[in-house]
PDB file of N, CA and C in Angstrom:
ATOM      1  N   MET A   1      19.004  51.260 -23.882  1.00  0.00           N
ATOM      2  CA  MET A   1      17.604  50.783 -24.075  1.00  0.00           C
ATOM      3  C   MET A   1      17.440  49.285 -24.312  1.00  0.00           C
ATOM      4  N   ALA A   2      18.557  48.680 -24.922  1.00  0.00           N
ATOM      5  CA  ALA A   2      18.519  47.291 -24.991  1.00  0.00           C
ATOM      6  C   ALA A   2      18.536  46.428 -23.868  1.00  0.00           C
ATOM      7  N   GLY A   3      19.265  46.891 -22.690  1.00  0.00           N
ATOM      8  CA  GLY A   3      19.407  46.444 -21.506  1.00  0.00           C
ATOM      9  C   GLY A   3      17.892  46.363 -20.747  1.00  0.00           C
ATOM     10  N   ASN A   4      17.306  47.620 -21.060  1.00  0.00           N
ATOM     11  CA  ASN A   4      15.959  47.489 -20.171  1.00  0.00           C
ATOM     12  C   ASN A   4      15.010  46.494 -20.798  1.00  0.00           C
ATOM     13  N   GLN A   5      14.920  46.312 -21.993  1.00  0.00           N
ATOM     14  CA  GLN A   5      14.087  45.236 -22.736  1.00  0.00           C
ATOM     15  C   GLN A   5      14.125  44.000 -22.487  1.00  0.00           C
ATOM     16  N   ASP A   6      15.537  43.807 -22.222  1.00  0.00           N
ATOM     17  CA  ASP A   6      16.094  42.293 -21.841  1.00  0.00           C
ATOM     18  C   ASP A   6      15.611  41.980 -20.447  1.00  0.00           C
ATOM     19  N   LYS A   7      15.705  43.089 -19.529  1.00  0.00           N
ATOM     20  CA  LYS A   7      15.259  42.783 -18.041  1.00  0.00           C
ATOM     21  C   LYS A   7      13.592  42.622 -18.105  1.00  0.00           C
ATOM     22  N   ASP A   8      12.940  43.491 -18.877  1.00  0.00           N
ATOM     23  CA  ASP A   8      11.521  43.446 -18.829  1.00  0.00           C
ATOM     24  C   ASP A   8      11.088  42.024 -19.344  1.00  0.00           C
ATOM     25  N   SER A   9      11.906  41.458 -20.424  1.00  0.00           N
ATOM     26  CA  SER A   9      11.378  40.122 -21.001  1.00  0.00           C
ATOM     27  C   SER A   9      11.732  39.038 -20.112  1.00  0.00           C
ATOM     28  N   VAL A  10      12.820  39.203 -19.295  1.00  0.00           N
ATOM     29  CA  VAL A  10      13.268  38.276 -18.181  1.00  0.00           C
ATOM     30  C   VAL A  10      12.091  38.210 -17.227  1.00  0.00           C
ATOM     31  N   LYS A  11      11.841  39.322 -16.845  1.00  0.00           N
ATOM     32  CA  LYS A  11      10.901  39.570 -15.781  1.00  0.00           C
ATOM     33  C   LYS A  11       9.384  38.966 -16.036  1.00  0.00           C
ATOM     34  N   ARG A  12       8.981  39.170 -17.322  1.00  0.00           N
ATOM     35  CA  ARG A  12       7.807  38.808 -17.795  1.00  0.00           C
ATOM     36  C   ARG A  12       7.873  37.126 -17.974  1.00  0.00           C
ATOM     37  N   ASP A  13       8.855  36.586 -18.478  1.00  0.00           N
ATOM     38  CA  ASP A  13       9.029  35.154 -18.548  1.00  0.00           C
ATOM     39  C   ASP A  13       9.111  34.650 -17.274  1.00  0.00           C
ATOM     40  N   LEU A  14       9.767  35.191 -16.197  1.00  0.00           N
ATOM     41  CA  LEU A  14       9.718  34.585 -14.814  1.00  0.00           C
ATOM     42  C   LEU A  14       8.206  34.716 -14.332  1.00  0.00           C
ATOM     43  N   LEU A  15       7.720  35.657 -14.369  1.00  0.00           N
ATOM     44  CA  LEU A  15       6.298  35.888 -14.022  1.00  0.00           C
ATOM     45  C   LEU A  15       5.193  34.851 -14.401  1.00  0.00           C
ATOM     46  N   ILE A  16       5.418  34.491 -15.813  1.00  0.00           N
ATOM     47  CA  ILE A  16       4.751  33.395 -16.536  1.00  0.00           C
ATOM     48  C   ILE A  16       5.111  32.139 -16.081  1.00  0.00           C
ATOM     49  N   ALA A  17       6.217  31.793 -15.936  1.00  0.00           N
ATOM     50  CA  ALA A  17       6.700  30.375 -15.179  1.00  0.00           C
ATOM     51  C   ALA A  17       6.192  30.273 -13.861  1.00  0.00           C
ATOM     52  N   PHE A  18       6.401  31.375 -13.245  1.00  0.00           N
ATOM     53  CA  PHE A  18       5.700  31.289 -11.719  1.00  0.00           C
ATOM     54  C   PHE A  18       4.375  31.056 -11.590  1.00  0.00           C
ATOM     55  N   MET A  19       3.529  31.825 -12.669  1.00  0.00           N
ATOM     56  CA  MET A  19       1.831  31.679 -12.577  1.00  0.00           C
ATOM     57  C   MET A  19       1.757  29.984 -12.946  1.00  0.00           C
ATOM     58  N   LEU A  20       2.445  29.531 -14.036  1.00  0.00           N
ATOM     59  CA  LEU A  20       2.185  28.223 -14.631  1.00  0.00           C
ATOM     60  C   LEU A  20       2.423  27.236 -13.294  1.00  0.00           C
ATOM     61  N   ILE A  21       3.509  27.410 -12.693  1.00  0.00           N
ATOM     62  CA  ILE A  21       3.823  26.572 -11.435  1.00  0.00           C
ATOM     63  C   ILE A  21       2.789  26.694 -10.383  1.00  0.00           C
ATOM     64  N   ALA A  22       2.567  27.639 -10.065  1.00  0.00           N
ATOM     65  CA  ALA A  22       1.369  27.945  -9.057  1.00  0.00           C
ATOM     66  C   ALA A  22       0.045  27.278  -9.595  1.00  0.00           C
ATOM     67  N   ALA A  23      -0.385  27.418 -10.754  1.00  0.00           N
ATOM     68  CA  ALA A  23      -1.502  26.839 -11.403  1.00  0.00           C
ATOM     69  C   ALA A  23      -1.456  25.240 -11.277  1.00  0.00           C
ATOM     70  N   GLY A  24      -0.361  24.744 -11.576  1.00  0.00           N
ATOM     71  CA  GLY A  24      -0.130  23.207 -11.500  1.00  0.00           C
ATOM     72  C   GLY A  24      -0.262  22.694 -10.046  1.00  0.00           C
ATOM     73  N   ALA A  25       0.407  23.524  -9.015  1.00  0.00           N
ATOM     74  CA  ALA A  25       0.177  23.315  -7.667  1.00  0.00           C
ATOM     75  C   ALA A  25      -0.990  23.339  -7.282  1.00  0.00           C
ATOM     76  N   MET A  26      -1.759  24.274  -7.614  1.00  0.00           N
ATOM     77  CA  MET A  26      -3.400  24.425  -7.269  1.00  0.00           C
ATOM     78  C   MET A  26      -4.133  23.109  -7.856  1.00  0.00           C
ATOM     79  N   VAL A  27      -3.809  22.775  -8.926  1.00  0.00           N
ATOM     80  CA  VAL A  27      -4.637  21.541  -9.557  1.00  0.00           C
ATOM     81  C   VAL A  27      -4.288  20.427  -8.895  1.00  0.00           C
ATOM     82  N   THR A  28      -3.066  20.162  -8.538  1.00  0.00           N
ATOM     83  CA  THR A  28      -2.671  19.012  -7.695  1.00  0.00           C
ATOM     84  C   THR A  28      -3.249  19.059  -6.405  1.00  0.00           C
ATOM     85  N   GLY A  29      -3.241  20.091  -5.893  1.00  0.00           N
ATOM     86  CA  GLY A  29      -3.750  20.239  -4.280  1.00  0.00           C
ATOM     87  C   GLY A  29      -5.386  19.946  -4.426  1.00  0.00           C
ATOM     88  N   VAL A  30      -6.171  20.440  -5.352  1.00  0.00           N
ATOM     89  CA  VAL A  30      -7.427  20.363  -5.594  1.00  0.00           C
ATOM     90  C   VAL A  30      -7.653  18.664  -5.839  1.00  0.00           C
ATOM     91  N   SER A  31      -6.726  17.992  -6.719  1.00  0.00           N
ATOM     92  CA  SER A  31      -7.060  16.531  -6.948  1.00  0.00           C
ATOM     93  C   SER A  31      -6.829  15.941  -5.638  1.00  0.00           C
ATOM     94  N   LEU A  32      -5.867  16.238  -4.873  1.00  0.00           N
ATOM     95  CA  LEU A  32      -5.533  15.294  -3.895  1.00  0.00           C
ATOM     96  C   LEU A  32      -6.750  15.570  -2.791  1.00  0.00           C
ATOM     97  N   VAL A  33      -7.291  16.655  -2.587  1.00  0.00           N
ATOM     98  CA  VAL A  33      -8.614  16.799  -1.668  1.00  0.00           C
ATOM     99  C   VAL A  33      -9.400  16.038  -2.239  1.00  0.00           C
ATOM    100  N   GLU A  34     -10.017  15.885  -3.352  1.00  0.00           N
ATOM    101  CA  GLU A  34     -10.988  15.363  -3.942  1.00  0.00           C
ATOM    102  C   GLU A  34     -10.763  13.612  -3.626  1.00  0.00           C
ATOM    103  N   ILE A  35      -9.568  13.226  -3.898  1.00  0.00           N
ATOM    104  CA  ILE A  35      -9.313  11.917  -3.551  1.00  0.00           C
ATOM    105  C   ILE A  35      -9.438  11.437  -2.345  1.00  0.00           C
ATOM    106  N   ARG A  36      -8.867  12.132  -1.226  1.00  0.00           N
ATOM    107  CA  ARG A  36      -9.152  11.953  -0.045  1.00  0.00           C
ATOM    108  C   ARG A  36     -10.481  12.131   0.677  1.00  0.00           C
ATOM    109  N   ALA A  37     -11.572  12.927  -0.192  1.00  0.00           N
ATOM    110  CA  ALA A  37     -12.938  13.106   0.169  1.00  0.00           C
ATOM    111  C   ALA A  37     -13.693  11.977  -0.061  1.00  0.00           C
ATOM    112  N   GLU A  38     -13.146  11.096  -1.212  1.00  0.00           N
ATOM    113  CA  GLU A  38     -14.172  10.118  -1.572  1.00  0.00           C
ATOM    114  C   GLU A  38     -13.973   8.978  -0.764  1.00  0.00           C
ATOM    115  N   SER A  39     -15.187   8.222  -0.723  1.00  0.00           N
ATOM    116  CA  SER A  39     -15.345   7.077   0.342  1.00  0.00           C
ATOM    117  C   SER A  39     -14.634   5.885  -0.454  1.00  0.00           C
ATOM    118  N   ARG A  40     -14.013   5.120   0.281  1.00  0.00           N
ATOM    119  CA  ARG A  40     -13.195   3.927  -0.156  1.00  0.00           C
ATOM    120  C   ARG A  40     -14.489   2.890  -0.681  1.00  0.00           C
ATOM    121  N   GLN A  41     -15.495   2.961  -0.209  1.00  0.00           N
ATOM    122  CA  GLN A  41     -16.464   1.920  -0.608  1.00  0.00           C
ATOM    123  C   GLN A  41     -16.931   2.314  -2.049  1.00  0.00           C
ATOM    124  N   ASP A  42     -16.807   3.340  -2.467  1.00  0.00           N
ATOM    125  CA  ASP A  42     -17.329   3.488  -3.783  1.00  0.00           C
ATOM    126  C   ASP A  42     -16.387   3.040  -5.062  1.00  0.00           C
ATOM    127  N   VAL A  43     -15.335   2.480  -4.584  1.00  0.00           N
ATOM    128  CA  VAL A  43     -14.237   1.827  -5.728  1.00  0.00           C
ATOM    129  C   VAL A  43     -14.854   0.694  -6.186  1.00  0.00           C
ATOM    130  N   ALA A  44     -15.033   0.611  -7.493  1.00  0.00           N
ATOM    131  CA  ALA A  44     -15.720  -0.697  -8.110  1.00  0.00           C
ATOM    132  C   ALA A  44     -14.629  -1.707  -8.136  1.00  0.00           C
ATOM    133  N   GLN A  45     -14.968  -2.842  -8.123  1.00  0.00           N
ATOM    134  CA  GLN A  45     -14.266  -4.197  -8.187  1.00  0.00           C
ATOM    135  C   GLN A  45     -14.492  -4.661  -9.643  1.00  0.00           C
ATOM    136  N   ALA A  46     -13.449  -4.904 -10.259  1.00  0.00           N
ATOM    137  CA  ALA A  46     -13.601  -5.518 -11.708  1.00  0.00           C
ATOM    138  C   ALA A  46     -13.966  -6.915 -11.789  1.00  0.00           C
ATOM    139  N   THR A  47     -13.755  -7.752 -10.822  1.00  0.00           N
ATOM    140  CA  THR A  47     -14.420  -9.027 -11.014  1.00  0.00           C
ATOM    141  C   THR A  47     -14.982  -9.514  -9.519  1.00  0.00           C
ATOM    142  N   GLN A  48     -15.679 -10.617  -9.512  1.00  0.00           N
ATOM    143  CA  GLN A  48     -16.346 -10.973  -8.508  1.00  0.00           C
ATOM    144  C   GLN A  48     -15.373 -11.820  -7.495  1.00  0.00           C
ATOM    145  N   PRO A  49     -15.669 -11.667  -6.282  1.00  0.00           N
ATOM    146  CA  PRO A  49     -14.554 -12.444  -5.389  1.00  0.00           C
ATOM    147  C   PRO A  49     -14.609 -13.789  -5.757  1.00  0.00           C
ATOM    148  N   LEU A  50     -13.487 -14.462  -5.497  1.00  0.00           N
ATOM    149  CA  LEU A  50     -13.250 -15.831  -5.866  1.00  0.00           C
ATOM    150  C   LEU A  50     -14.250 -16.750  -4.626  1.00  0.00           C
ATOM    151  N   GLN A  51     -14.856 -17.942  -5.263  1.00  0.00           N
ATOM    152  CA  GLN A  51     -15.509 -18.820  -4.503  1.00  0.00           C
ATOM    153  C   GLN A  51     -14.986 -20.184  -4.464  1.00  0.00           C
ATOM    154  N   GLY A  52     -14.761 -20.813  -3.411  1.00  0.00           N
ATOM    155  CA  GLY A  52     -14.243 -22.065  -3.442  1.00  0.00           C
ATOM    156  C   GLY A  52     -15.256 -23.083  -4.121  1.00  0.00           C
ATOM    157  N   THR A  53     -14.739 -24.131  -4.805  1.00  0.00           N
ATOM    158  CA  THR A  53     -15.557 -24.932  -5.279  1.00  0.00           C
ATOM    159  C   THR A  53     -15.766 -26.201  -4.383  1.00  0.00           C
ATOM    160  N   PRO A  54     -16.970 -26.893  -4.279  1.00  0.00           N
ATOM    161  CA  PRO A  54     -17.400 -27.698  -3.157  1.00  0.00           C
ATOM    162  C   PRO A  54     -16.540 -29.081  -3.481  1.00  0.00           C
ATOM    163  N   ALA A  55     -16.255 -29.764  -2.300  1.00  0.00           N
ATOM    164  CA  ALA A  55     -15.300 -31.054  -2.589  1.00  0.00           C
ATOM    165  C   ALA A  55     -16.256 -32.084  -3.137  1.00  0.00           C
ATOM    166  N   PRO A  56     -15.748 -32.843  -4.165  1.00  0.00           N
ATOM    167  CA  PRO A  56     -16.562 -34.086  -4.795  1.00  0.00           C
ATOM    168  C   PRO A  56     -16.872 -35.042  -3.567  1.00  0.00           C
ATOM    169  N   GLN A  57     -18.229 -35.662  -3.780  1.00  0.00           N
ATOM    170  CA  GLN A  57     -18.709 -36.595  -2.715  1.00  0.00           C
ATOM    171  C   GLN A  57     -17.884 -37.734  -2.750  1.00  0.00           C
ATOM    172  N   ASP A  58     -17.328 -38.313  -3.760  1.00  0.00           N
ATOM    173  CA  ASP A  58     -16.665 -39.483  -3.873  1.00  0.00           C
ATOM    174  C   ASP A  58     -15.311 -39.493  -3.733  1.00  0.00           C
ATOM    175  N   GLN A  59     -14.700 -38.351  -2.802  1.00  0.00           N
ATOM    176  CA  GLN A  59     -13.384 -38.077  -2.809  1.00  0.00           C
ATOM    177  C   GLN A  59     -12.575 -39.214  -2.095  1.00  0.00           C
ATOM    178  N   ASN A  60     -13.089 -40.165  -1.484  1.00  0.00           N
ATOM    179  CA  ASN A  60     -12.374 -41.356  -0.730  1.00  0.00           C
ATOM    180  C   ASN A  60     -12.272 -42.458  -1.636  1.00  0.00           C
ATOM    181  N   LYS A  61     -13.002 -42.327  -2.754  1.00  0.00           N
ATOM    182  CA  LYS A  61     -12.935 -43.430  -3.806  1.00  0.00           C
ATOM    183  C   LYS A  61     -11.799 -43.693  -4.529  1.00  0.00           C
ATOM    184  N   ALA A  62     -11.227 -44.748  -4.742  1.00  0.00           N
ATOM    185  CA  ALA A  62      -9.816 -45.148  -5.267  1.00  0.00           C
ATOM    186  C   ALA A  62     -10.073 -45.083  -6.777  1.00  0.00           C
ATOM    187  N   PRO A  63      -8.994 -44.356  -7.472  1.00  0.00           N
ATOM    188  CA  PRO A  63      -9.016 -44.470  -8.904  1.00  0.00           C
ATOM    189  C   PRO A  63      -9.145 -45.841  -9.539  1.00  0.00           C
ATOM    190  N   ALA A  64      -9.643 -45.868 -10.819  1.00  0.00           N
ATOM    191  CA  ALA A  64      -9.753 -46.997 -11.542  1.00  0.00           C
ATOM    192  C   ALA A  64      -8.427 -47.612 -11.873  1.00  0.00           C
ATOM    193  N   GLU A  65      -8.198 -49.009 -11.929  1.00  0.00           N
ATOM    194  CA  GLU A  65      -7.052 -49.720 -12.106  1.00  0.00           C
ATOM    195  C   GLU A  65      -6.660 -49.390 -13.812  1.00  0.00           C
ATOM    196  N   SER A  66      -5.382 -49.097 -13.944  1.00  0.00           N
ATOM    197  CA  SER A  66      -5.086 -49.121 -15.351  1.00  0.00           C
ATOM    198  C   SER A  66      -4.798 -50.733 -15.913  1.00  0.00           C
ATOM    199  N   LYS A  67      -4.847 -50.686 -17.056  1.00  0.00           N
ATOM    200  CA  LYS A  67      -4.582 -52.111 -17.769  1.00  0.00           C
ATOM    201  C   LYS A  67      -3.665 -51.814 -18.707  1.00  0.00           C
ATOM    202  N   PRO A  68      -2.454 -52.494 -18.543  1.00  0.00           N
ATOM    203  CA  PRO A  68      -1.480 -52.365 -19.784  1.00  0.00           C
ATOM    204  C   PRO A  68      -2.016 -52.923 -21.012  1.00  0.00           C
ATOM    205  N   GLY A  69      -1.942 -52.334 -22.138  1.00  0.00           N
ATOM    206  CA  GLY A  69      -2.460 -52.822 -23.304  1.00  0.00           C
ATOM    207  C   GLY A  69      -4.019 -53.083 -23.444  1.00  0.00           C
ATOM    208  N   GLY A  70      -4.595 -52.496 -22.532  1.00  0.00           N
ATOM    209  CA  GLY A  70      -5.838 -52.368 -22.749  1.00  0.00           C
ATOM    210  C   GLY A  70      -6.624 -51.556 -23.885  1.00  0.00           C
ATOM    211  N   GLU A  71      -7.893 -51.915 -24.059  1.00  0.00           N
ATOM    212  CA  GLU A  71      -8.412 -51.301 -25.368  1.00  0.00           C
ATOM    213  C   GLU A  71      -9.040 -49.793 -25.041  1.00  0.00           C
ATOM    214  N   ARG A  72      -8.789 -49.270 -25.953  1.00  0.00           N
ATOM    215  CA  ARG A  72      -9.404 -47.809 -25.970  1.00  0.00           C
ATOM    216  C   ARG A  72     -10.944 -47.599 -26.553  1.00  0.00           C
ATOM    217  N   PRO A  73     -11.859 -47.404 -25.787  1.00  0.00           N
ATOM    218  CA  PRO A  73     -13.095 -47.448 -26.162  1.00  0.00           C
ATOM    219  C   PRO A  73     -13.446 -46.331 -27.238  1.00  0.00           C
ATOM    220  N   THR A  74     -13.768 -46.477 -28.447  1.00  0.00           N
ATOM    221  CA  THR A  74     -14.137 -45.603 -29.457  1.00  0.00           C
ATOM    222  C   THR A  74     -15.397 -45.696 -30.158  1.00  0.00           C
ATOM    223  N   THR A  75     -16.124 -44.824 -30.347  1.00  0.00           N
ATOM    224  CA  THR A  75     -17.253 -45.002 -31.203  1.00  0.00           C
ATOM    225  C   THR A  75     -17.445 -43.840 -32.177  1.00  0.00           C
ATOM    226  N   PRO A  76     -17.294 -44.089 -33.463  1.00  0.00           N
ATOM    227  CA  PRO A  76     -17.223 -45.182 -34.204  1.00  0.00           C
ATOM    228  C   PRO A  76     -15.816 -45.568 -34.143  1.00  0.00           C
ATOM    229  N   PRO A  77     -15.305 -46.781 -34.528  1.00  0.00           N
ATOM    230  CA  PRO A  77     -13.928 -46.960 -34.538  1.00  0.00           C
ATOM    231  C   PRO A  77     -13.250 -46.157 -35.577  1.00  0.00           C
ATOM    232  N   PRO A  78     -11.742 -45.738 -35.074  1.00  0.00           N
ATOM    233  CA  PRO A  78     -11.054 -44.825 -36.093  1.00  0.00           C
ATOM    234  C   PRO A  78     -10.871 -45.669 -37.552  1.00  0.00           C
ATOM    235  N   GLU A  79     -10.594 -44.852 -38.338  1.00  0.00           N
ATOM    236  CA  GLU A  79     -10.261 -45.450 -39.791  1.00  0.00           C
ATOM    237  C   GLU A  79      -8.954 -44.874 -40.080  1.00  0.00           C
ATOM    238  N   PRO A  80      -8.241 -45.663 -40.986  1.00  0.00           N
ATOM    239  CA  PRO A  80      -6.963 -45.190 -41.456  1.00  0.00           C
ATOM    240  C   PRO A  80      -7.088 -43.872 -42.403  1.00  0.00           C
ATOM    241  N   ALA A  81      -6.100 -43.011 -42.143  1.00  0.00           N
ATOM    242  CA  ALA A  81      -6.253 -41.934 -43.113  1.00  0.00           C
ATOM    243  C   ALA A  81      -5.984 -42.234 -44.568  1.00  0.00           C
ATOM    244  N   ARG A  82      -7.157 -42.236 -45.485  1.00  0.00           N
ATOM    245  CA  ARG A  82      -6.892 -42.478 -46.908  1.00  0.00           C
ATOM    246  C   ARG A  82      -7.413 -41.176 -47.664  1.00  0.00           C
ATOM    247  N   PRO A  83      -6.475 -40.607 -48.583  1.00  0.00           N
ATOM    248  CA  PRO A  83      -6.988 -39.396 -49.417  1.00  0.00           C
ATOM    249  C   PRO A  83      -7.914 -39.839 -50.240  1.00  0.00           C
ATOM    250  N   ASP A  84      -8.846 -38.876 -50.495  1.00  0.00           N
ATOM    251  CA  ASP A  84     -10.060 -39.066 -51.459  1.00  0.00           C
ATOM    252  C   ASP A  84      -9.452 -39.087 -52.917  1.00  0.00           C
ATOM    253  N   PRO A  85      -9.722 -40.256 -53.641  1.00  0.00           N
ATOM    254  CA  PRO A  85      -8.969 -40.342 -55.063  1.00  0.00           C
ATOM    255  C   PRO A  85      -9.661 -39.075 -55.950  1.00  0.00           C
ATOM    256  N   ARG A  86     -10.719 -38.491 -55.647  1.00  0.00           N
ATOM    257  CA  ARG A  86     -11.259 -37.454 -56.586  1.00  0.00           C
ATOM    258  C   ARG A  86     -10.673 -36.092 -56.287  1.00  0.00           C
ATOM    259  N   THR A  87      -9.973 -35.847 -54.932  1.00  0.00           N
ATOM    260  CA  THR A  87      -9.334 -34.661 -54.767  1.00  0.00           C
ATOM    261  C   THR A  87      -7.781 -34.795 -55.205  1.00  0.00           C
ATOM    262  N   GLN A  88      -7.253 -35.807 -55.447  1.00  0.00           N
ATOM    263  CA  GLN A  88      -5.839 -35.853 -55.715  1.00  0.00           C
ATOM    264  C   GLN A  88      -5.613 -35.162 -57.105  1.00  0.00           C
ATOM    265  N   GLY A  89      -4.630 -34.272 -57.018  1.00  0.00           N
ATOM    266  CA  GLY A  89      -4.277 -33.341 -58.130  1.00  0.00           C
ATOM    267  C   GLY A  89      -5.081 -32.423 -58.475  1.00  0.00           C
ATOM    268  N   ALA A  90      -6.202 -32.127 -57.452  1.00  0.00           N
ATOM    269  CA  ALA A  90      -6.916 -30.952 -57.858  1.00  0.00           C
ATOM    270  C   ALA A  90      -6.264 -29.595 -57.411  1.00  0.00           C
ATOM    271  N   ALA A  91      -5.489 -29.620 -56.299  1.00  0.00           N
ATOM    272  CA  ALA A  91      -5.021 -28.324 -55.842  1.00  0.00           C
ATOM    273  C   ALA A  91      -3.440 -28.447 -56.398  1.00  0.00           C
ATOM    274  N   LYS A  92      -2.876 -27.293 -56.864  1.00  0.00           N
ATOM    275  CA  LYS A  92      -1.678 -27.089 -57.216  1.00  0.00           C
ATOM    276  C   LYS A  92      -0.750 -26.641 -56.223  1.00  0.00           C
ATOM    277  N   PRO A  93       0.733 -26.859 -56.103  1.00  0.00           N
ATOM    278  CA  PRO A  93       1.312 -26.884 -54.987  1.00  0.00           C
ATOM    279  C   PRO A  93       1.720 -25.273 -55.091  1.00  0.00           C
ATOM    280  N   VAL A  94       1.641 -24.502 -53.813  1.00  0.00           N
ATOM    281  CA  VAL A  94       2.054 -23.030 -54.054  1.00  0.00           C
ATOM    282  C   VAL A  94       3.502 -22.789 -54.087  1.00  0.00           C
ATOM    283  N   LEU A  95       4.340 -23.627 -53.396  1.00  0.00           N
ATOM    284  CA  LEU A  95       5.925 -23.506 -53.541  1.00  0.00           C
ATOM    285  C   LEU A  95       6.375 -24.576 -54.498  1.00  0.00           C
ATOM    286  N   PRO A  96       7.418 -24.084 -55.206  1.00  0.00           N
ATOM    287  CA  PRO A  96       8.114 -25.229 -56.127  1.00  0.00           C
ATOM    288  C   PRO A  96       8.737 -26.393 -55.323  1.00  0.00           C
ATOM    289  N   GLN A  97       8.962 -27.364 -55.805  1.00  0.00           N
ATOM    290  CA  GLN A  97       9.286 -28.758 -55.172  1.00  0.00           C
ATOM    291  C   GLN A  97      10.864 -28.229 -54.797  1.00  0.00           C
ATOM    292  N   ALA A  98      11.293 -28.688 -53.450  1.00  0.00           N
ATOM    293  CA  ALA A  98      12.316 -28.454 -52.901  1.00  0.00           C
ATOM    294  C   ALA A  98      13.444 -29.212 -53.546  1.00  0.00           C
ATOM    295  N   PRO A  99      14.777 -28.504 -53.693  1.00  0.00           N
ATOM    296  CA  PRO A  99      15.844 -29.184 -54.311  1.00  0.00           C
ATOM    297  C   PRO A  99      16.202 -30.461 -53.471  1.00  0.00           C
ATOM    298  N   ALA A 100      16.834 -31.483 -54.159  1.00  0.00           N
ATOM    299  CA  ALA A 100      17.255 -32.529 -53.313  1.00  0.00           C
ATOM    300  C   ALA A 100      18.500 -32.253 -52.487  1.00  0.00           C
ATOM    301  N   GLU A 101      18.561 -32.923 -51.334  1.00  0.00           N
ATOM    302  CA  GLU A 101      19.491 -32.489 -50.300  1.00  0.00           C
ATOM    303  C   GLU A 101      20.677 -33.093 -50.748  1.00  0.00           C
ATOM    304  N   LYS A 102      21.887 -32.438 -50.467  1.00  0.00           N
ATOM    305  CA  LYS A 102      23.097 -32.654 -50.809  1.00  0.00           C
ATOM    306  C   LYS A 102      23.753 -33.517 -49.460  1.00  0.00           C
ATOM    307  N   TYR A 103      24.368 -34.325 -49.598  1.00  0.00           N
ATOM    308  CA  TYR A 103      25.119 -35.070 -48.422  1.00  0.00           C
ATOM    309  C   TYR A 103      26.748 -34.909 -48.612  1.00  0.00           C
ATOM    310  N   ALA A 104      27.300 -34.520 -47.471  1.00  0.00           N
ATOM    311  CA  ALA A 104      28.745 -34.559 -47.571  1.00  0.00           C
ATOM    312  C   ALA A 104      29.270 -35.811 -46.772  1.00  0.00           C
ATOM    313  N   PRO A 105      30.579 -36.204 -47.253  1.00  0.00           N
ATOM    314  CA  PRO A 105      31.177 -37.385 -46.660  1.00  0.00           C
ATOM    315  C   PRO A 105      31.298 -37.243 -45.124  1.00  0.00           C
ATOM    316  N   PRO A 106      31.202 -38.056 -44.558  1.00  0.00           N
ATOM    317  CA  PRO A 106      31.245 -37.789 -42.725  1.00  0.00           C
ATOM    318  C   PRO A 106      32.407 -37.239 -42.284  1.00  0.00           C
ATOM    319  N   ILE A 107      32.360 -36.337 -41.072  1.00  0.00           N
ATOM    320  CA  ILE A 107      33.426 -35.666 -40.656  1.00  0.00           C
ATOM    321  C   ILE A 107      34.290 -36.630 -39.734  1.00  0.00           C
ATOM    322  N   LYS A 108      35.731 -36.712 -40.185  1.00  0.00           N
ATOM    323  CA  LYS A 108      36.449 -37.565 -39.352  1.00  0.00           C
ATOM    324  C   LYS A 108      36.824 -36.797 -37.997  1.00  0.00           C
ATOM    325  N   GLU A 109      36.980 -37.846 -36.977  1.00  0.00           N
ATOM    326  CA  GLU A 109      37.413 -37.431 -35.773  1.00  0.00           C
ATOM    327  C   GLU A 109      38.716 -36.918 -35.675  1.00  0.00           C
ATOM    328  N   LYS A 110      39.004 -35.971 -34.900  1.00  0.00           N
ATOM    329  CA  LYS A 110      40.455 -35.660 -34.475  1.00  0.00           C
ATOM    330  C   LYS A 110      41.241 -36.329 -33.575  1.00  0.00           C
ATOM    331  N   GLN A 111      42.394 -36.710 -33.729  1.00  0.00           N
ATOM    332  CA  GLN A 111      43.028 -37.610 -32.737  1.00  0.00           C
ATOM    333  C   GLN A 111      44.166 -36.775 -31.901  1.00  0.00           C
TER     334      GLN A 111
END
């Protein structure tokens, strides 16, 4: 009797596997038919098509001459960076002070 139960369970497992493969093939077929049935014009475009920029009117104009050592126009003139004396010492450092670097004697070249 054990042999009959094994054969029945194998047959049942094969039938279930065949049914699952057939269902998958049907879903694939239906999907392919729907994809072919759709019009290509219905596909949305994510970005607008690129448009060329018009050429500048003064394209034939030569660039301005550069002057070595010329002045740089700034308004207002730049000021040197000076720390505000009121803020000095107000913030405490987060990390401890780094240890002093140690120097070794120079490496001698091999001859």
